[in-house]
Amino acid sequence: MDAETTPKSPEAVRATEAERAAKVRSIMAYTTGTEAYHRLSLAPLNCTDSIKYIAEAVGAFWLVEAVACEYTRPRAQEYRDFLVVEFHVEPGGRAWIHLRPDTGAQSVATQEIPFTDFPVGLWKFYIVDGVLMCPGDY
């Protein structure tokens, strides 16, 4: 077996998860706007540099597409000027995407994700005028 096919120990897997979470937190912490908008999905939703960096860093282009799909739902479109995107990932990989008109408000669109390797936690993003962004971009 070579290094790529050798099973990882639970400690190595946890370290990798922690590194991935640290990458996402770092990108989100140092976000202060964007230089360009990016179309990362087939839906009419653009993204800021920080969202593109997160998708690249942890292989989460699928997350952008999932958020974009929820954004196109009629109920979400009623609030298309501003939506809070909450992405809640539980240990074990089960997750939910919620689009809300404000923090704590009832979801206008929800998608359950049966499994993801995105880092565990509650991650918050915004959609402002058709642009998915980190809170620091706003």
Protein backbone atom coordinates (compact mmCIF):
# COMPACT_ATOMS: atom_id res chain seq x y z
CA MET A 1 0.00 0.00 0.00
CA ASP A 2 1.20 3.46 -0.79
CA ALA A 3 0.63 6.53 1.40
CA GLU A 4 -2.56 7.51 -0.45
CA THR A 5 -4.27 4.14 0.01
CA THR A 6 -3.15 3.48 3.58
CA PRO A 7 -6.09 3.92 5.97
CA LYS A 8 -5.74 6.93 8.22
CA SER A 9 -5.86 6.63 11.97
CA PRO A 10 -8.78 8.29 13.82
CA GLU A 11 -6.30 10.86 15.14
CA ALA A 12 -5.15 11.71 11.59
CA VAL A 13 -8.75 12.02 10.41
CA ARG A 14 -9.59 14.38 13.31
CA ALA A 15 -6.47 16.45 12.52
CA THR A 16 -7.54 16.72 8.89
CA GLU A 17 -11.05 17.80 9.97
CA ALA A 18 -9.57 20.39 12.32
CA GLU A 19 -7.30 21.70 9.55
CA ARG A 20 -10.25 22.02 7.16
CA ALA A 21 -12.31 23.86 9.79
CA ALA A 22 -9.36 26.16 10.49
CA LYS A 23 -9.08 26.97 6.76
CA VAL A 24 -12.76 27.94 6.57
CA ARG A 25 -12.59 29.99 9.79
CA SER A 26 -9.45 31.75 8.57
CA ILE A 27 -11.01 32.72 5.24
CA MET A 28 -14.15 33.95 6.99
CA ALA A 29 -12.20 35.88 9.64
CA TYR A 30 -10.08 37.82 7.17
CA THR A 31 -12.77 38.62 4.62
CA THR A 32 -13.33 42.33 4.02
CA GLY A 33 -14.98 42.55 0.64
CA THR A 34 -14.34 41.19 -2.82
CA GLU A 35 -12.45 42.16 -5.94
CA ALA A 36 -14.62 40.11 -8.29
CA TYR A 37 -17.85 38.17 -8.50
CA HIS A 38 -17.83 34.54 -9.59
CA ARG A 39 -20.55 32.34 -11.07
CA LEU A 40 -19.94 28.94 -9.48
CA SER A 41 -23.35 27.41 -10.13
CA LEU A 42 -25.82 27.08 -12.94
CA ALA A 43 -28.40 29.07 -10.97
CA PRO A 44 -28.49 32.89 -11.07
CA LEU A 45 -26.28 33.37 -8.01
CA ASN A 46 -22.86 35.02 -7.96
CA CYS A 47 -20.26 34.57 -5.22
CA THR A 48 -17.55 36.70 -3.69
CA ASP A 49 -13.86 35.83 -3.62
CA SER A 50 -14.17 34.42 -0.10
CA ILE A 51 -16.88 31.93 -1.09
CA LYS A 52 -14.75 30.84 -4.04
CA TYR A 53 -11.72 30.42 -1.71
CA ILE A 54 -13.77 28.29 0.72
CA ALA A 55 -15.10 26.13 -2.11
CA GLU A 56 -11.55 25.61 -3.39
CA ALA A 57 -10.01 25.05 0.05
CA VAL A 58 -12.37 22.31 1.21
CA GLY A 59 -13.89 21.06 -2.04
CA ALA A 60 -17.29 22.62 -1.41
CA PHE A 61 -18.44 23.71 -4.84
CA TRP A 62 -21.42 21.40 -4.26
CA LEU A 63 -22.43 23.60 -1.31
CA VAL A 64 -22.59 26.69 -3.53
CA GLU A 65 -24.77 24.75 -5.97
CA ALA A 66 -27.05 23.52 -3.15
CA VAL A 67 -27.48 27.06 -1.78
CA ALA A 68 -28.15 28.33 -5.30
CA CYS A 69 -30.86 25.70 -5.79
CA GLU A 70 -32.59 26.74 -2.56
CA TYR A 71 -32.23 30.42 -3.54
CA THR A 72 -34.28 29.83 -6.70
CA ARG A 73 -37.30 28.55 -4.74
CA PRO A 74 -40.30 30.93 -4.99
CA ARG A 75 -40.49 31.53 -1.22
CA ALA A 76 -36.79 32.44 -1.07
CA GLN A 77 -37.18 34.78 -4.03
CA GLU A 78 -39.61 36.87 -1.97
CA TYR A 79 -36.55 37.85 0.11
CA ARG A 80 -33.95 37.88 -2.68
CA ASP A 81 -32.56 41.27 -1.59
CA PHE A 82 -31.23 39.79 1.66
CA LEU A 83 -31.13 36.26 3.05
CA VAL A 84 -29.17 34.66 5.86
CA VAL A 85 -27.78 31.26 4.88
CA GLU A 86 -27.19 28.96 7.83
CA PHE A 87 -25.30 25.74 7.14
CA HIS A 88 -25.41 23.44 10.16
CA VAL A 89 -23.11 20.40 10.04
CA GLU A 90 -23.39 17.81 12.81
CA PRO A 91 -20.71 15.33 13.88
CA GLY A 92 -21.10 12.36 11.58
CA GLY A 93 -21.71 14.56 8.55
CA ARG A 94 -25.47 15.14 8.51
CA ALA A 95 -26.25 18.75 7.63
CA TRP A 96 -28.96 21.28 6.82
CA ILE A 97 -29.02 24.42 4.74
CA HIS A 98 -31.53 27.06 5.89
CA LEU A 99 -32.29 30.29 4.07
CA ARG A 100 -33.89 32.85 6.37
CA PRO A 101 -34.93 36.49 5.88
CA ASP A 102 -33.07 37.28 9.12
CA THR A 103 -31.16 35.47 11.87
CA GLY A 104 -33.62 33.47 13.97
CA ALA A 105 -36.49 33.91 11.52
CA GLN A 106 -38.38 30.96 10.08
CA SER A 107 -36.69 29.25 7.11
CA VAL A 108 -38.04 30.11 3.67
CA ALA A 109 -36.05 27.26 2.10
CA THR A 110 -34.39 24.23 3.66
CA GLN A 111 -32.35 21.34 2.33
CA GLU A 112 -31.15 18.33 4.28
CA ILE A 113 -27.74 16.95 3.33
CA PRO A 114 -27.47 13.26 4.36
CA PHE A 115 -23.66 13.37 4.47
CA THR A 116 -20.89 15.92 4.00
CA ASP A 117 -17.25 16.17 4.95
CA PHE A 118 -17.56 19.95 5.38
CA PRO A 119 -16.29 20.91 8.85
CA VAL A 120 -18.70 20.47 11.76
CA GLY A 121 -20.36 23.63 13.04
CA LEU A 122 -22.90 26.32 12.29
CA TRP A 123 -21.65 28.37 9.36
CA LYS A 124 -23.36 31.61 8.41
CA PHE A 125 -23.32 33.34 5.04
CA TYR A 126 -25.45 36.02 3.38
CA ILE A 127 -27.10 36.40 0.01
CA VAL A 128 -27.36 40.08 -0.89
CA ASP A 129 -28.89 41.06 -4.23
CA GLY A 130 -28.02 37.71 -5.79
CA VAL A 131 -24.48 37.45 -4.38
CA LEU A 132 -23.49 34.71 -1.89
CA MET A 133 -20.91 36.07 0.56
CA CYS A 134 -19.29 35.69 3.93
CA PRO A 135 -20.50 38.12 6.61
CA GLY A 136 -17.24 40.08 6.34
CA ASP A 137 -17.95 40.80 2.67
CA TYR A 138 -21.18 42.62 3.55
